[in-house]
C-alpha cells in the first residue's frame, strides 16, 4: 500500500511539476510573441509616420513650388513691361527736341531702371529659392 501511495504521490508530483513547467514555457513563448508583436507594430507605426511626414513635406514643397513659379511669372511679366517702357523712353529721349523734355524723360528712365534693378534682384532671389526647394525635394525623394 505504501508503494501504491508513494507511486500515486510521485505520479501526481511529476504531473503537477510538468504542468507548471509547461505553463512557464507557454507563458514565456506567449510573452515573446507579444513582445515581437509590439515591436513589429511599433516599427510599422514609425514607418507609417515617416511616410506620412514625407508626404506632408512633399505636399508643402509642391505648394511652395507653385507659389514661386507664379511669382516668377509675375516678375517676368513685370520685366517685359519695364523693358518696353525703357525702350519707349529711350526712343522718346532721342526724339525730344528740348533739354527740359529730355531731362524729364531721363528722370522717368532712371525710375524705370531702378524698378528694373529691383525686379532683377527679386528674380535672382526667386531663382535661389527655387534651387533650395529643388534640393529639399530631391533629398526627400532619396529617403
C-alpha atoms as a PDB file:
ATOM      1  CA  UNK A   1       0.000   0.000   0.000  1.00  0.00           C
ATOM      2  CA  UNK A   2       2.890   2.282   0.785  1.00  0.00           C
ATOM      3  CA  UNK A   3       4.284   1.630  -2.662  1.00  0.00           C
ATOM      4  CA  UNK A   4       0.951   2.490  -4.271  1.00  0.00           C
ATOM      5  CA  UNK A   5       0.575   5.701  -2.270  1.00  0.00           C
ATOM      6  CA  UNK A   6       4.182   6.628  -2.955  1.00  0.00           C
ATOM      7  CA  UNK A   7       3.732   5.879  -6.639  1.00  0.00           C
ATOM      8  CA  UNK A   8       0.499   7.899  -6.820  1.00  0.00           C
ATOM      9  CA  UNK A   9       2.107  10.749  -4.927  1.00  0.00           C
ATOM     10  CA  UNK A  10       5.158  10.630  -7.187  1.00  0.00           C
ATOM     11  CA  UNK A  11       2.979  10.445 -10.286  1.00  0.00           C
ATOM     12  CA  UNK A  12       0.883  13.457  -9.195  1.00  0.00           C
ATOM     13  CA  UNK A  13       4.025  15.377  -8.165  1.00  0.00           C
ATOM     14  CA  UNK A  14       5.592  14.806 -11.590  1.00  0.00           C
ATOM     15  CA  UNK A  15       2.301  15.626 -13.273  1.00  0.00           C
ATOM     16  CA  UNK A  16       1.904  18.875 -11.290  1.00  0.00           C
ATOM     17  CA  UNK A  17       5.544  19.849 -11.856  1.00  0.00           C
ATOM     18  CA  UNK A  18       5.307  19.120 -15.562  1.00  0.00           C
ATOM     19  CA  UNK A  19       2.144  21.200 -15.767  1.00  0.00           C
ATOM     20  CA  UNK A  20       3.734  24.191 -14.062  1.00  0.00           C
ATOM     21  CA  UNK A  21       6.895  23.816 -16.201  1.00  0.00           C
ATOM     22  CA  UNK A  22       4.745  23.641 -19.329  1.00  0.00           C
ATOM     23  CA  UNK A  23       2.809  26.682 -18.165  1.00  0.00           C
ATOM     24  CA  UNK A  24       6.072  28.555 -17.628  1.00  0.00           C
ATOM     25  CA  UNK A  25       7.251  27.591 -21.104  1.00  0.00           C
ATOM     26  CA  UNK A  26       3.903  28.572 -22.620  1.00  0.00           C
ATOM     27  CA  UNK A  27       3.953  31.881 -20.736  1.00  0.00           C
ATOM     28  CA  UNK A  28       7.500  32.564 -21.917  1.00  0.00           C
ATOM     29  CA  UNK A  29       6.514  31.807 -25.543  1.00  0.00           C
ATOM     30  CA  UNK A  30       3.421  33.990 -25.197  1.00  0.00           C
ATOM     31  CA  UNK A  31       5.457  36.857 -23.707  1.00  0.00           C
ATOM     32  CA  UNK A  32       7.969  36.647 -26.581  1.00  0.00           C
ATOM     33  CA  UNK A  33       5.179  36.635 -29.158  1.00  0.00           C
ATOM     34  CA  UNK A  34       3.547  39.651 -27.536  1.00  0.00           C
ATOM     35  CA  UNK A  35       6.902  41.408 -27.334  1.00  0.00           C
ATOM     36  CA  UNK A  36       7.602  40.654 -31.011  1.00  0.00           C
ATOM     37  CA  UNK A  37       4.126  41.825 -31.985  1.00  0.00           C
ATOM     38  CA  UNK A  38       4.573  45.070 -30.046  1.00  0.00           C
ATOM     39  CA  UNK A  39       7.974  45.611 -31.662  1.00  0.00           C
ATOM     40  CA  UNK A  40       6.657  44.953 -35.166  1.00  0.00           C
ATOM     41  CA  UNK A  41       3.650  47.186 -34.559  1.00  0.00           C
ATOM     42  CA  UNK A  42       5.879  49.999 -33.282  1.00  0.00           C
ATOM     43  CA  UNK A  43       8.144  49.627 -36.315  1.00  0.00           C
ATOM     44  CA  UNK A  44       5.146  49.707 -38.664  1.00  0.00           C
ATOM     45  CA  UNK A  45       3.787  52.776 -36.885  1.00  0.00           C
ATOM     46  CA  UNK A  46       7.139  54.544 -37.216  1.00  0.00           C
ATOM     47  CA  UNK A  47       7.346  53.683 -40.914  1.00  0.00           C
ATOM     48  CA  UNK A  48       3.794  54.912 -41.483  1.00  0.00           C
ATOM     49  CA  UNK A  49       4.589  58.108 -39.601  1.00  0.00           C
ATOM     50  CA  UNK A  50       7.743  58.642 -41.660  1.00  0.00           C
ATOM     51  CA  UNK A  51       5.833  58.087 -44.901  1.00  0.00           C
ATOM     52  CA  UNK A  52       3.125  60.460 -43.719  1.00  0.00           C
ATOM     53  CA  UNK A  53       5.750  63.039 -42.766  1.00  0.00           C
ATOM     54  CA  UNK A  54       7.428  62.734 -46.162  1.00  0.00           C
ATOM     55  CA  UNK A  55       4.094  63.030 -47.931  1.00  0.00           C
ATOM     56  CA  UNK A  56       3.263  66.121 -45.900  1.00  0.00           C
ATOM     57  CA  UNK A  57       6.652  67.673 -46.633  1.00  0.00           C
ATOM     58  CA  UNK A  58       6.303  66.879 -50.351  1.00  0.00           C
ATOM     59  CA  UNK A  59       2.864  68.497 -50.371  1.00  0.00           C
ATOM     60  CA  UNK A  60       4.286  71.625 -48.682  1.00  0.00           C
ATOM     61  CA  UNK A  61       7.136  71.743 -51.189  1.00  0.00           C
ATOM     62  CA  UNK A  62       4.690  71.395 -54.088  1.00  0.00           C
ATOM     63  CA  UNK A  63       2.698  74.347 -52.761  1.00  0.00           C
ATOM     64  CA  UNK A  64       5.876  76.403 -52.385  1.00  0.00           C
ATOM     65  CA  UNK A  65       6.926  75.465 -55.930  1.00  0.00           C
ATOM     66  CA  UNK A  66       3.569  76.598 -57.280  1.00  0.00           C
ATOM     67  CA  UNK A  67       3.790  79.866 -55.370  1.00  0.00           C
ATOM     68  CA  UNK A  68       7.354  80.540 -56.541  1.00  0.00           C
ATOM     69  CA  UNK A  69       6.523  79.711 -60.157  1.00  0.00           C
ATOM     70  CA  UNK A  70       3.536  82.070 -60.015  1.00  0.00           C
ATOM     71  CA  UNK A  71       5.789  84.729 -58.526  1.00  0.00           C
ATOM     72  CA  UNK A  72       8.373  84.118 -61.258  1.00  0.00           C
ATOM     73  CA  UNK A  73       5.740  84.530 -63.981  1.00  0.00           C
ATOM     74  CA  UNK A  74       4.620  87.779 -62.379  1.00  0.00           C
ATOM     75  CA  UNK A  75       8.197  89.072 -62.174  1.00  0.00           C
ATOM     76  CA  UNK A  76       8.879  88.031 -65.782  1.00  0.00           C
ATOM     77  CA  UNK A  77       5.784  89.914 -66.943  1.00  0.00           C
ATOM     78  CA  UNK A  78       6.895  92.989 -64.995  1.00  0.00           C
ATOM     79  CA  UNK A  79      10.379  92.628 -66.510  1.00  0.00           C
ATOM     80  CA  UNK A  80       8.920  92.675 -70.028  1.00  0.00           C
ATOM     81  CA  UNK A  81       6.718  95.676 -69.254  1.00  0.00           C
ATOM     82  CA  UNK A  82       9.598  97.640 -67.730  1.00  0.00           C
ATOM     83  CA  UNK A  83      11.841  96.748 -70.646  1.00  0.00           C
ATOM     84  CA  UNK A  84       9.233  98.001 -73.115  1.00  0.00           C
ATOM     85  CA  UNK A  85       8.814 101.251 -71.161  1.00  0.00           C
ATOM     86  CA  UNK A  86      12.580 101.678 -71.091  1.00  0.00           C
ATOM     87  CA  UNK A  87      12.853 101.220 -74.855  1.00  0.00           C
ATOM     88  CA  UNK A  88       9.989 103.658 -75.456  1.00  0.00           C
ATOM     89  CA  UNK A  89      11.546 106.282 -73.166  1.00  0.00           C
ATOM     90  CA  UNK A  90      14.919 105.900 -74.864  1.00  0.00           C
ATOM     91  CA  UNK A  91      13.250 106.483 -78.213  1.00  0.00           C
ATOM     92  CA  UNK A  92      11.398 109.495 -76.820  1.00  0.00           C
ATOM     93  CA  UNK A  93      14.657 110.930 -75.403  1.00  0.00           C
ATOM     94  CA  UNK A  94      16.300 110.597 -78.796  1.00  0.00           C
ATOM     95  CA  UNK A  95      13.300 112.212 -80.490  1.00  0.00           C
ATOM     96  CA  UNK A  96      12.871 115.024 -77.948  1.00  0.00           C
ATOM     97  CA  UNK A  97      13.885 118.499 -79.049  1.00  0.00           C
ATOM     98  CA  UNK A  98      14.228 120.449 -75.811  1.00  0.00           C
ATOM     99  CA  UNK A  99      16.575 119.901 -72.913  1.00  0.00           C
ATOM    100  CA  UNK A 100      13.738 120.232 -70.379  1.00  0.00           C
ATOM    101  CA  UNK A 101      11.826 117.457 -72.051  1.00  0.00           C
ATOM    102  CA  UNK A 102      14.965 115.267 -72.228  1.00  0.00           C
ATOM    103  CA  UNK A 103      15.613 115.872 -68.521  1.00  0.00           C
ATOM    104  CA  UNK A 104      12.056 114.847 -67.598  1.00  0.00           C
ATOM    105  CA  UNK A 105      12.320 111.708 -69.683  1.00  0.00           C
ATOM    106  CA  UNK A 106      15.730 110.905 -68.183  1.00  0.00           C
ATOM    107  CA  UNK A 107      14.242 111.097 -64.663  1.00  0.00           C
ATOM    108  CA  UNK A 108      11.468 108.721 -65.689  1.00  0.00           C
ATOM    109  CA  UNK A 109      14.063 106.464 -67.270  1.00  0.00           C
ATOM    110  CA  UNK A 110      16.081 106.437 -64.020  1.00  0.00           C
ATOM    111  CA  UNK A 111      12.947 105.475 -62.082  1.00  0.00           C
ATOM    112  CA  UNK A 112      12.233 102.679 -64.519  1.00  0.00           C
ATOM    113  CA  UNK A 113      15.844 101.499 -64.353  1.00  0.00           C
ATOM    114  CA  UNK A 114      15.603 101.483 -60.556  1.00  0.00           C
ATOM    115  CA  UNK A 115      12.426  99.366 -60.713  1.00  0.00           C
ATOM    116  CA  UNK A 116      14.120  97.212 -63.328  1.00  0.00           C
ATOM    117  CA  UNK A 117      17.056  96.515 -60.978  1.00  0.00           C
ATOM    118  CA  UNK A 118      14.714  95.741 -58.066  1.00  0.00           C
ATOM    119  CA  UNK A 119      12.808  93.357 -60.299  1.00  0.00           C
ATOM    120  CA  UNK A 120      16.074  91.712 -61.382  1.00  0.00           C
ATOM    121  CA  UNK A 121      17.049  91.246 -57.722  1.00  0.00           C
ATOM    122  CA  UNK A 122      13.669  89.696 -56.926  1.00  0.00           C
ATOM    123  CA  UNK A 123      14.089  87.342 -59.895  1.00  0.00           C
ATOM    124  CA  UNK A 124      17.503  86.248 -58.597  1.00  0.00           C
ATOM    125  CA  UNK A 125      16.066  85.655 -55.116  1.00  0.00           C
ATOM    126  CA  UNK A 126      13.208  83.681 -56.636  1.00  0.00           C
ATOM    127  CA  UNK A 127      15.625  81.500 -58.598  1.00  0.00           C
ATOM    128  CA  UNK A 128      17.693  80.898 -55.449  1.00  0.00           C
ATOM    129  CA  UNK A 129      14.551  79.856 -53.546  1.00  0.00           C
ATOM    130  CA  UNK A 130      13.592  77.519 -56.374  1.00  0.00           C
ATOM    131  CA  UNK A 131      17.048  75.894 -56.234  1.00  0.00           C
ATOM    132  CA  UNK A 132      16.729  75.414 -52.471  1.00  0.00           C
ATOM    133  CA  UNK A 133      13.257  73.918 -52.894  1.00  0.00           C
ATOM    134  CA  UNK A 134      14.571  71.593 -55.603  1.00  0.00           C
ATOM    135  CA  UNK A 135      17.381  70.408 -53.313  1.00  0.00           C
ATOM    136  CA  UNK A 136      14.909  69.759 -50.491  1.00  0.00           C
ATOM    137  CA  UNK A 137      12.627  67.921 -52.898  1.00  0.00           C
ATOM    138  CA  UNK A 138      15.488  65.741 -54.154  1.00  0.00           C
ATOM    139  CA  UNK A 139      16.645  64.950 -50.606  1.00  0.00           C
ATOM    140  CA  UNK A 140      13.115  63.842 -49.668  1.00  0.00           C
ATOM    141  CA  UNK A 141      12.904  61.602 -52.722  1.00  0.00           C
ATOM    142  CA  UNK A 142      16.217  59.967 -51.802  1.00  0.00           C
ATOM    143  CA  UNK A 143      14.898  58.905 -48.368  1.00  0.00           C
END
